[in-house]
Amino acid sequence: MNDSLNKNNLTLIFVIVYSKMASKILKYSKKCGISGGTIFYGTGTIPNNKILGLLGFDEVNKEIVLMLGEKEVAYHTLEMLNVKFKLYKPNHGIAFALPVSQILGSNLFSEERRENKVEKPKYNLVFTIVDRGNAERVIDAAVLAGSKGGTIINARGSGIHETSKLFNMEISPEKEVVLIVCDSLKTDQITKKIYEELEIEKPGNGIIFVQDVDKAYGLYNNTEL
């Protein structure tokens, strides 16, 4: 990663695509000026399709790419990815940017906060971390509150004593992380429904946090992946 990055102007790029596309996304992004990234594997949902559900085809494999860069480079990369991989077309994936408020656990950056968060964003990213097996309940609750679906990140294949890290938080293999991109006007009702249905107030039942989305592509039809 480039030492010259402006610590106060960092942006996290989030790309969610179908299986076997992540490496291509990462390779092309490097040509746009992004120095590297991390690939997660997850499961996406196809909500409200009873026929596919009965056949067992209502879930699809997804890949999630996280990349860090200066704001200007990140926005340029998003625009180029949108054109190159046709994110403006149905079912080609989504890409969005998140402001980075802190960098922890990296020798390249000190702990600095971005300043002057101005207008309310159009979209939010809702993170919900729950025990394995409860992710579908999170999706169901979110859909009841107006979401169009979500993406599940799990730790299948990891040993029981191993952990992975997401945004510098250790996520044990027994946990699942649910990502939902939603209209900011629906965020409160979605998080409230998840909170109630999963009884998040009880110790150990999970945690929810929300991140503003700077810029997004692939949400033209208000569909979340």
C-alpha atoms as a PDB file:
ATOM      1  CA  MET A   1       0.000   0.000   0.000  1.00  0.00           C
ATOM      2  CA  ASN A   2       1.301   3.465  -0.857  1.00  0.00           C
ATOM      3  CA  ASP A   3       2.884   5.440   2.039  1.00  0.00           C
ATOM      4  CA  SER A   4       1.893   8.712   0.365  1.00  0.00           C
ATOM      5  CA  LEU A   5      -1.836   8.154   0.905  1.00  0.00           C
ATOM      6  CA  ASN A   6      -3.517  11.086   2.596  1.00  0.00           C
ATOM      7  CA  LYS A   7      -4.608   9.762   5.981  1.00  0.00           C
ATOM      8  CA  ASN A   8      -7.505  12.191   6.140  1.00  0.00           C
ATOM      9  CA  ASN A   9      -8.805  11.348   2.677  1.00  0.00           C
ATOM     10  CA  LEU A  10      -9.100   7.575   2.647  1.00  0.00           C
ATOM     11  CA  THR A  11     -12.040   5.704   1.157  1.00  0.00           C
ATOM     12  CA  LEU A  12     -12.930   2.025   1.348  1.00  0.00           C
ATOM     13  CA  ILE A  13     -14.246   0.468  -1.867  1.00  0.00           C
ATOM     14  CA  PHE A  14     -16.722  -2.372  -1.429  1.00  0.00           C
ATOM     15  CA  VAL A  15     -17.593  -4.550  -4.456  1.00  0.00           C
ATOM     16  CA  ILE A  16     -20.069  -7.461  -4.291  1.00  0.00           C
ATOM     17  CA  VAL A  17     -20.160  -9.711  -7.355  1.00  0.00           C
ATOM     18  CA  TYR A  18     -20.917 -13.247  -8.354  1.00  0.00           C
ATOM     19  CA  SER A  19     -18.436 -16.058  -7.806  1.00  0.00           C
ATOM     20  CA  LYS A  20     -15.148 -16.048  -9.776  1.00  0.00           C
ATOM     21  CA  MET A  21     -15.358 -12.308 -10.532  1.00  0.00           C
ATOM     22  CA  ALA A  22     -13.426 -10.928  -7.549  1.00  0.00           C
ATOM     23  CA  SER A  23      -9.949 -11.572  -8.943  1.00  0.00           C
ATOM     24  CA  LYS A  24     -10.864  -9.754 -12.155  1.00  0.00           C
ATOM     25  CA  ILE A  25     -12.222  -6.821 -10.133  1.00  0.00           C
ATOM     26  CA  LEU A  26      -9.041  -6.631  -8.087  1.00  0.00           C
ATOM     27  CA  LYS A  27      -6.759  -6.910 -11.121  1.00  0.00           C
ATOM     28  CA  TYR A  28      -8.592  -4.161 -13.000  1.00  0.00           C
ATOM     29  CA  SER A  29      -8.709  -1.905  -9.938  1.00  0.00           C
ATOM     30  CA  LYS A  30      -4.925  -2.053  -9.655  1.00  0.00           C
ATOM     31  CA  LYS A  31      -4.735  -0.620 -13.171  1.00  0.00           C
ATOM     32  CA  CYS A  32      -6.887   2.275 -11.894  1.00  0.00           C
ATOM     33  CA  GLY A  33      -4.453   3.069  -9.100  1.00  0.00           C
ATOM     34  CA  ILE A  34      -5.603   0.846  -6.226  1.00  0.00           C
ATOM     35  CA  SER A  35      -2.629  -0.916  -4.662  1.00  0.00           C
ATOM     36  CA  GLY A  36      -4.379  -4.025  -3.344  1.00  0.00           C
ATOM     37  CA  GLY A  37      -7.375  -5.494  -1.579  1.00  0.00           C
ATOM     38  CA  THR A  38      -8.981  -8.382   0.270  1.00  0.00           C
ATOM     39  CA  ILE A  39     -11.487 -10.926  -1.045  1.00  0.00           C
ATOM     40  CA  PHE A  40     -14.222 -12.458   1.126  1.00  0.00           C
ATOM     41  CA  TYR A  41     -16.576 -15.241   0.125  1.00  0.00           C
ATOM     42  CA  GLY A  42     -20.260 -15.148   0.955  1.00  0.00           C
ATOM     43  CA  THR A  43     -23.788 -16.134   0.063  1.00  0.00           C
ATOM     44  CA  GLY A  44     -26.336 -13.833  -1.535  1.00  0.00           C
ATOM     45  CA  THR A  45     -30.093 -14.183  -1.471  1.00  0.00           C
ATOM     46  CA  ILE A  46     -32.808 -14.018  -4.101  1.00  0.00           C
ATOM     47  CA  PRO A  47     -35.765 -12.858  -2.003  1.00  0.00           C
ATOM     48  CA  ASN A  48     -39.460 -13.367  -2.698  1.00  0.00           C
ATOM     49  CA  ASN A  49     -38.927 -16.147  -5.222  1.00  0.00           C
ATOM     50  CA  LYS A  50     -40.965 -19.072  -3.893  1.00  0.00           C
ATOM     51  CA  ILE A  51     -40.276 -21.333  -6.879  1.00  0.00           C
ATOM     52  CA  LEU A  52     -36.496 -21.006  -6.556  1.00  0.00           C
ATOM     53  CA  GLY A  53     -36.834 -21.431  -2.809  1.00  0.00           C
ATOM     54  CA  LEU A  54     -38.689 -24.719  -3.197  1.00  0.00           C
ATOM     55  CA  LEU A  55     -36.027 -25.941  -5.603  1.00  0.00           C
ATOM     56  CA  GLY A  56     -33.226 -24.870  -3.300  1.00  0.00           C
ATOM     57  CA  PHE A  57     -31.830 -22.312  -5.737  1.00  0.00           C
ATOM     58  CA  ASP A  58     -32.674 -19.148  -3.794  1.00  0.00           C
ATOM     59  CA  GLU A  59     -29.052 -18.681  -2.689  1.00  0.00           C
ATOM     60  CA  VAL A  60     -26.097 -17.785  -4.880  1.00  0.00           C
ATOM     61  CA  ASN A  61     -22.363 -17.667  -4.193  1.00  0.00           C
ATOM     62  CA  LYS A  62     -20.930 -14.178  -3.920  1.00  0.00           C
ATOM     63  CA  GLU A  63     -17.493 -12.645  -3.609  1.00  0.00           C
ATOM     64  CA  ILE A  64     -16.819  -9.431  -1.724  1.00  0.00           C
ATOM     65  CA  VAL A  65     -13.799  -7.274  -2.570  1.00  0.00           C
ATOM     66  CA  LEU A  66     -12.523  -4.636  -0.132  1.00  0.00           C
ATOM     67  CA  MET A  67      -9.986  -2.079  -1.378  1.00  0.00           C
ATOM     68  CA  LEU A  68      -8.520   1.070   0.165  1.00  0.00           C
ATOM     69  CA  GLY A  69      -7.418   4.228  -1.630  1.00  0.00           C
ATOM     70  CA  GLU A  70      -7.438   7.989  -1.684  1.00  0.00           C
ATOM     71  CA  LYS A  71     -10.915   9.400  -2.245  1.00  0.00           C
ATOM     72  CA  GLU A  72     -10.239  10.696  -5.765  1.00  0.00           C
ATOM     73  CA  VAL A  73      -8.613   7.423  -6.851  1.00  0.00           C
ATOM     74  CA  ALA A  74     -11.390   5.375  -5.238  1.00  0.00           C
ATOM     75  CA  TYR A  75     -14.157   7.340  -6.979  1.00  0.00           C
ATOM     76  CA  HIS A  76     -12.373   7.051 -10.317  1.00  0.00           C
ATOM     77  CA  THR A  77     -11.974   3.316  -9.782  1.00  0.00           C
ATOM     78  CA  LEU A  78     -15.686   2.938  -8.999  1.00  0.00           C
ATOM     79  CA  GLU A  79     -16.641   4.725 -12.201  1.00  0.00           C
ATOM     80  CA  MET A  80     -14.278   2.573 -14.257  1.00  0.00           C
ATOM     81  CA  LEU A  81     -15.552  -0.642 -12.618  1.00  0.00           C
ATOM     82  CA  ASN A  82     -19.119   0.411 -13.346  1.00  0.00           C
ATOM     83  CA  VAL A  83     -18.324   0.692 -17.053  1.00  0.00           C
ATOM     84  CA  LYS A  84     -15.938  -2.238 -17.366  1.00  0.00           C
ATOM     85  CA  PHE A  85     -18.121  -4.786 -15.548  1.00  0.00           C
ATOM     86  CA  LYS A  86     -21.496  -3.272 -16.556  1.00  0.00           C
ATOM     87  CA  LEU A  87     -22.712  -2.794 -12.989  1.00  0.00           C
ATOM     88  CA  TYR A  88     -25.459  -0.607 -14.421  1.00  0.00           C
ATOM     89  CA  LYS A  89     -27.097  -3.775 -15.808  1.00  0.00           C
ATOM     90  CA  PRO A  90     -29.275  -6.137 -13.748  1.00  0.00           C
ATOM     91  CA  ASN A  91     -27.495  -8.789 -11.671  1.00  0.00           C
ATOM     92  CA  HIS A  92     -23.974  -7.639 -12.508  1.00  0.00           C
ATOM     93  CA  GLY A  93     -23.141  -6.708  -8.915  1.00  0.00           C
ATOM     94  CA  ILE A  94     -22.855  -3.564  -6.837  1.00  0.00           C
ATOM     95  CA  ALA A  95     -19.959  -1.308  -5.867  1.00  0.00           C
ATOM     96  CA  PHE A  96     -19.896   1.478  -3.320  1.00  0.00           C
ATOM     97  CA  ALA A  97     -17.537   3.590  -1.243  1.00  0.00           C
ATOM     98  CA  LEU A  98     -17.335   4.074   2.515  1.00  0.00           C
ATOM     99  CA  PRO A  99     -15.544   6.905   4.306  1.00  0.00           C
ATOM    100  CA  VAL A 100     -12.723   5.692   6.553  1.00  0.00           C
ATOM    101  CA  SER A 101     -12.776   7.339   9.965  1.00  0.00           C
ATOM    102  CA  GLN A 102      -9.961   5.358  11.569  1.00  0.00           C
ATOM    103  CA  ILE A 103      -7.090   3.083  10.618  1.00  0.00           C
ATOM    104  CA  LEU A 104      -6.218   0.546  13.287  1.00  0.00           C
ATOM    105  CA  GLY A 105      -3.675  -2.229  13.269  1.00  0.00           C
ATOM    106  CA  SER A 106      -1.646  -0.762  10.396  1.00  0.00           C
ATOM    107  CA  ASN A 107       1.842   0.675  10.588  1.00  0.00           C
ATOM    108  CA  LEU A 108       1.182   2.813   7.536  1.00  0.00           C
ATOM    109  CA  PHE A 109      -1.451   5.026   9.121  1.00  0.00           C
ATOM    110  CA  SER A 110      -1.930   6.653  12.476  1.00  0.00           C
ATOM    111  CA  GLU A 111      -5.332   6.849  14.133  1.00  0.00           C
ATOM    112  CA  GLU A 112      -6.881   9.905  12.508  1.00  0.00           C
ATOM    113  CA  ARG A 113     -10.495  10.829  11.935  1.00  0.00           C
ATOM    114  CA  ARG A 114     -12.055  12.286   8.841  1.00  0.00           C
ATOM    115  CA  GLU A 115     -13.697  15.620   9.388  1.00  0.00           C
ATOM    116  CA  ASN A 116     -16.834  17.417   8.343  1.00  0.00           C
ATOM    117  CA  LYS A 117     -19.395  14.749   7.540  1.00  0.00           C
ATOM    118  CA  VAL A 118     -21.873  16.918   5.700  1.00  0.00           C
ATOM    119  CA  GLU A 119     -25.094  15.793   4.105  1.00  0.00           C
ATOM    120  CA  LYS A 120     -27.082  12.677   4.920  1.00  0.00           C
ATOM    121  CA  PRO A 121     -26.058   9.838   2.587  1.00  0.00           C
ATOM    122  CA  LYS A 122     -28.552   8.229   0.251  1.00  0.00           C
ATOM    123  CA  TYR A 123     -27.525   4.717   1.282  1.00  0.00           C
ATOM    124  CA  ASN A 124     -26.320   2.962   4.415  1.00  0.00           C
ATOM    125  CA  LEU A 125     -24.499  -0.309   4.892  1.00  0.00           C
ATOM    126  CA  VAL A 126     -25.959  -2.302   7.777  1.00  0.00           C
ATOM    127  CA  PHE A 127     -23.613  -4.849   9.364  1.00  0.00           C
ATOM    128  CA  THR A 128     -25.096  -7.547  11.585  1.00  0.00           C
ATOM    129  CA  ILE A 129     -22.875 -10.118  13.291  1.00  0.00           C
ATOM    130  CA  VAL A 130     -24.690 -13.157  14.720  1.00  0.00           C
ATOM    131  CA  ASP A 131     -24.056 -16.774  15.644  1.00  0.00           C
ATOM    132  CA  ARG A 132     -23.777 -19.108  12.710  1.00  0.00           C
ATOM    133  CA  GLY A 133     -27.172 -20.296  11.605  1.00  0.00           C
ATOM    134  CA  ASN A 134     -28.941 -17.018  12.384  1.00  0.00           C
ATOM    135  CA  ALA A 135     -27.967 -15.068   9.269  1.00  0.00           C
ATOM    136  CA  GLU A 136     -31.083 -16.119   7.373  1.00  0.00           C
ATOM    137  CA  ARG A 137     -33.206 -14.828  10.260  1.00  0.00           C
ATOM    138  CA  VAL A 138     -31.464 -11.473   9.879  1.00  0.00           C
ATOM    139  CA  ILE A 139     -32.252 -11.433   6.154  1.00  0.00           C
ATOM    140  CA  ASP A 140     -35.879 -12.393   6.776  1.00  0.00           C
ATOM    141  CA  ALA A 141     -36.303  -9.632   9.360  1.00  0.00           C
ATOM    142  CA  ALA A 142     -34.682  -7.056   7.064  1.00  0.00           C
ATOM    143  CA  VAL A 143     -36.935  -8.043   4.147  1.00  0.00           C
ATOM    144  CA  LEU A 144     -40.002  -7.626   6.358  1.00  0.00           C
ATOM    145  CA  ALA A 145     -38.777  -4.094   7.095  1.00  0.00           C
ATOM    146  CA  GLY A 146     -38.261  -3.166   3.451  1.00  0.00           C
ATOM    147  CA  SER A 147     -34.875  -4.541   2.416  1.00  0.00           C
ATOM    148  CA  LYS A 148     -34.524  -6.402  -0.894  1.00  0.00           C
ATOM    149  CA  GLY A 149     -32.001  -8.928   0.431  1.00  0.00           C
ATOM    150  CA  GLY A 150     -28.483  -9.164   1.756  1.00  0.00           C
ATOM    151  CA  THR A 151     -25.105 -10.877   1.572  1.00  0.00           C
ATOM    152  CA  ILE A 152     -23.848 -13.360   4.158  1.00  0.00           C
ATOM    153  CA  ILE A 153     -20.150 -13.683   4.957  1.00  0.00           C
ATOM    154  CA  ASN A 154     -19.222 -16.866   6.778  1.00  0.00           C
ATOM    155  CA  ALA A 155     -16.075 -18.646   7.862  1.00  0.00           C
ATOM    156  CA  ARG A 156     -16.637 -22.075   6.325  1.00  0.00           C
ATOM    157  CA  GLY A 157     -13.391 -23.982   5.981  1.00  0.00           C
ATOM    158  CA  SER A 158     -11.667 -22.289   8.923  1.00  0.00           C
ATOM    159  CA  GLY A 159     -10.611 -24.237  11.973  1.00  0.00           C
ATOM    160  CA  ILE A 160     -12.651 -23.786  15.115  1.00  0.00           C
ATOM    161  CA  HIS A 161      -9.771 -22.025  16.887  1.00  0.00           C
ATOM    162  CA  GLU A 162      -9.021 -19.690  13.992  1.00  0.00           C
ATOM    163  CA  THR A 163     -10.381 -16.205  13.468  1.00  0.00           C
ATOM    164  CA  SER A 164     -10.608 -13.848  10.518  1.00  0.00           C
ATOM    165  CA  LYS A 165     -10.663 -10.054  10.680  1.00  0.00           C
ATOM    166  CA  LEU A 166     -13.221  -7.672   9.241  1.00  0.00           C
ATOM    167  CA  PHE A 167     -12.478  -3.970   9.752  1.00  0.00           C
ATOM    168  CA  ASN A 168      -9.947  -4.924  12.436  1.00  0.00           C
ATOM    169  CA  MET A 169     -12.531  -6.932  14.387  1.00  0.00           C
ATOM    170  CA  GLU A 170     -11.955 -10.614  15.009  1.00  0.00           C
ATOM    171  CA  ILE A 171     -14.826 -12.687  13.643  1.00  0.00           C
ATOM    172  CA  SER A 172     -14.746 -16.268  14.920  1.00  0.00           C
ATOM    173  CA  PRO A 173     -15.622 -19.158  12.570  1.00  0.00           C
ATOM    174  CA  GLU A 174     -18.862 -19.704  14.505  1.00  0.00           C
ATOM    175  CA  LYS A 175     -20.182 -16.290  13.453  1.00  0.00           C
ATOM    176  CA  GLU A 176     -21.860 -14.967  10.322  1.00  0.00           C
ATOM    177  CA  VAL A 177     -21.734 -11.393   9.058  1.00  0.00           C
ATOM    178  CA  VAL A 178     -24.754 -10.075   7.151  1.00  0.00           C
ATOM    179  CA  LEU A 179     -24.290  -7.056   4.867  1.00  0.00           C
ATOM    180  CA  ILE A 180     -27.333  -5.086   3.734  1.00  0.00           C
ATOM    181  CA  VAL A 181     -27.132  -1.983   1.554  1.00  0.00           C
ATOM    182  CA  CYS A 182     -30.317   0.010   1.988  1.00  0.00           C
ATOM    183  CA  ASP A 183     -31.887   3.392   1.376  1.00  0.00           C
ATOM    184  CA  SER A 184     -30.953   5.548   4.361  1.00  0.00           C
ATOM    185  CA  LEU A 185     -34.644   6.361   4.835  1.00  0.00           C
ATOM    186  CA  LYS A 186     -35.252   2.679   5.605  1.00  0.00           C
ATOM    187  CA  THR A 187     -32.214   2.109   7.811  1.00  0.00           C
ATOM    188  CA  ASP A 188     -33.923   2.729  11.151  1.00  0.00           C
ATOM    189  CA  GLN A 189     -36.845   0.419  10.429  1.00  0.00           C
ATOM    190  CA  ILE A 190     -34.547  -2.322   9.129  1.00  0.00           C
ATOM    191  CA  THR A 191     -32.163  -2.190  12.098  1.00  0.00           C
ATOM    192  CA  LYS A 192     -35.088  -2.017  14.548  1.00  0.00           C
ATOM    193  CA  LYS A 193     -36.704  -5.102  13.015  1.00  0.00           C
ATOM    194  CA  ILE A 194     -33.435  -7.069  13.113  1.00  0.00           C
ATOM    195  CA  TYR A 195     -32.860  -5.929  16.698  1.00  0.00           C
ATOM    196  CA  GLU A 196     -36.297  -7.123  17.766  1.00  0.00           C
ATOM    197  CA  GLU A 197     -36.426 -10.396  15.818  1.00  0.00           C
ATOM    198  CA  LEU A 198     -32.931 -11.521  16.860  1.00  0.00           C
ATOM    199  CA  GLU A 199     -33.268 -10.163  20.416  1.00  0.00           C
ATOM    200  CA  ILE A 200     -29.969  -8.346  20.030  1.00  0.00           C
ATOM    201  CA  GLU A 201     -30.397  -6.783  23.481  1.00  0.00           C
ATOM    202  CA  LYS A 202     -29.566 -10.166  25.064  1.00  0.00           C
ATOM    203  CA  PRO A 203     -25.825 -10.749  25.709  1.00  0.00           C
ATOM    204  CA  GLY A 204     -24.163 -12.827  23.012  1.00  0.00           C
ATOM    205  CA  ASN A 205     -27.029 -12.637  20.524  1.00  0.00           C
ATOM    206  CA  GLY A 206     -25.199 -10.350  18.110  1.00  0.00           C
ATOM    207  CA  ILE A 207     -24.285  -6.806  17.201  1.00  0.00           C
ATOM    208  CA  ILE A 208     -25.489  -4.324  14.582  1.00  0.00           C
ATOM    209  CA  PHE A 209     -23.662  -1.287  13.263  1.00  0.00           C
ATOM    210  CA  VAL A 210     -24.295   1.072  10.378  1.00  0.00           C
ATOM    211  CA  GLN A 211     -21.855   2.731   7.971  1.00  0.00           C
ATOM    212  CA  ASP A 212     -22.584   5.592   5.589  1.00  0.00           C
ATOM    213  CA  VAL A 213     -22.152   4.838   1.889  1.00  0.00           C
ATOM    214  CA  ASP A 214     -20.384   7.586  -0.051  1.00  0.00           C
ATOM    215  CA  LYS A 215     -21.059   6.429  -3.587  1.00  0.00           C
ATOM    216  CA  ALA A 216     -22.852   3.413  -5.045  1.00  0.00           C
ATOM    217  CA  TYR A 217     -23.383   1.668  -8.381  1.00  0.00           C
ATOM    218  CA  GLY A 218     -25.677  -1.243  -9.194  1.00  0.00           C
ATOM    219  CA  LEU A 219     -28.551  -0.007  -7.019  1.00  0.00           C
ATOM    220  CA  TYR A 220     -30.437   1.474  -9.975  1.00  0.00           C
ATOM    221  CA  ASN A 221     -33.449  -0.704  -9.246  1.00  0.00           C
ATOM    222  CA  ASN A 222     -33.226  -0.407  -5.451  1.00  0.00           C
ATOM    223  CA  THR A 223     -31.970  -3.963  -5.188  1.00  0.00           C
ATOM    224  CA  GLU A 224     -29.482  -4.854  -2.476  1.00  0.00           C
ATOM    225  CA  LEU A 225     -27.158  -7.801  -2.782  1.00  0.00           C
END
